[in-house]
């Protein structure tokens, strides 16, 4: 089947590599996908975590995710729940997580804990609500059936218009806003920008996570509400910390200022300025990065004391780069003004390498698994190489090894708004 290609309409933005610092730390040659380039460190938006209240998993949640959206039930959630509670029994006795469901849609997921006692207050975490819109892609011929199921279960559905294509807007459990759009013809997945055969002779490419196929094509991303005056600085943050390609859309009388961060193929995070932004309630997103972008981002965040430890997961600590590499992940929560350090936006990010066990179902996408066995000193970044694609082509000079980092990396500026098809 044909696959969507992310149309690059922005300049490549790469923050200069930090000064080389001798280190005895040995790190693996972290894997990348074929054709990886430094300005596209994010390869996959994998999941959105929404805690589902103090009560155990309810029939309403079950119906919404598995009957209405027809997500696939991922069997790995059982093992993760058991492991989490085993660790909690030793570290925080009497504070278990009551239940955990993973609802897969294409190669993306909703992680849905409930009755988690290790949250603020005695009643567990409140029902989490994203400050924005969750955007899904759906087979065009399945939209009518989805609308009918929503209405049969009492959900109000609004038909949206995008050119000649129709879409569906509705609120799910706890008021989370969803926008479902028709996937382009032939597009059967979103996420990692390549799909190659696995290393097993004769094996077909991986097209589904454990639990089997879902009706939906995937999650296109989230369109977050952000306070006025923050979009440009949020773009600066992603460009500086991750060296990511970003797009800033300036505000006009008809367009709201927006920061757009491309993630996987056909996926993006958007931060759209709004007047009324709700308080942050702890929901989080999980993103995969390739190669040394993981190490570079960790170092830049650590320098600003922005690496975040989530007490819900006592088995994971990221106080050092060694620990982050051991777990193949770290977290950040605060997006800050690079000049003042003022928090612009709170959103927990779970940042993973492509070695992470969560990427196992897509293992055949990697360039070479053998590279994972190699070690080298952490003295410089291989991701500062352009692999044949230079930033001059997009209007910026390439970073110079060892040069000081720019306090405000250049950001592509557009006077037109990003279309829904680009999200």
Foldseek 3Di string as FASTA:
>chain_A
DDAFFQDDPWFQFFWFFAAFDFDPDKFFQFFDFPPDAQQFFFFFFAEWEWEAWQDADDPQNCCVQCVLQVFFWAPCQVVVQVVQQVVCCVVPNPFGFDDWTWGHAWRHTYIYTYNGCPDPDRRDAHGAEAQFEWEFEAALVCQVVSVVSCVVVPWDWDWDDDPPWIWIWTAGPPRHIYIYTYDPPPHQEWGGADWDAAPPPPGDTQGGHHRDHGRTRHTQETAHEFAPPCAQQLLQLCCNLQVYAKEWADDDPVAFTKIWGAHHGNHIYMYTYDHDTDDHRDMAIETETTGCSQVSNLVVCVVVPFWDDDVSRVVADPNDVVRCSVQQWTKGFFRARLVPRHGRGGHIYIYGTCVHPSVVSNVRSTPDPVSRPDIDTRGFGPSLDGSPDASVVSPDHRHDHSDHTDSGIDHTYDNDDDGPSSD
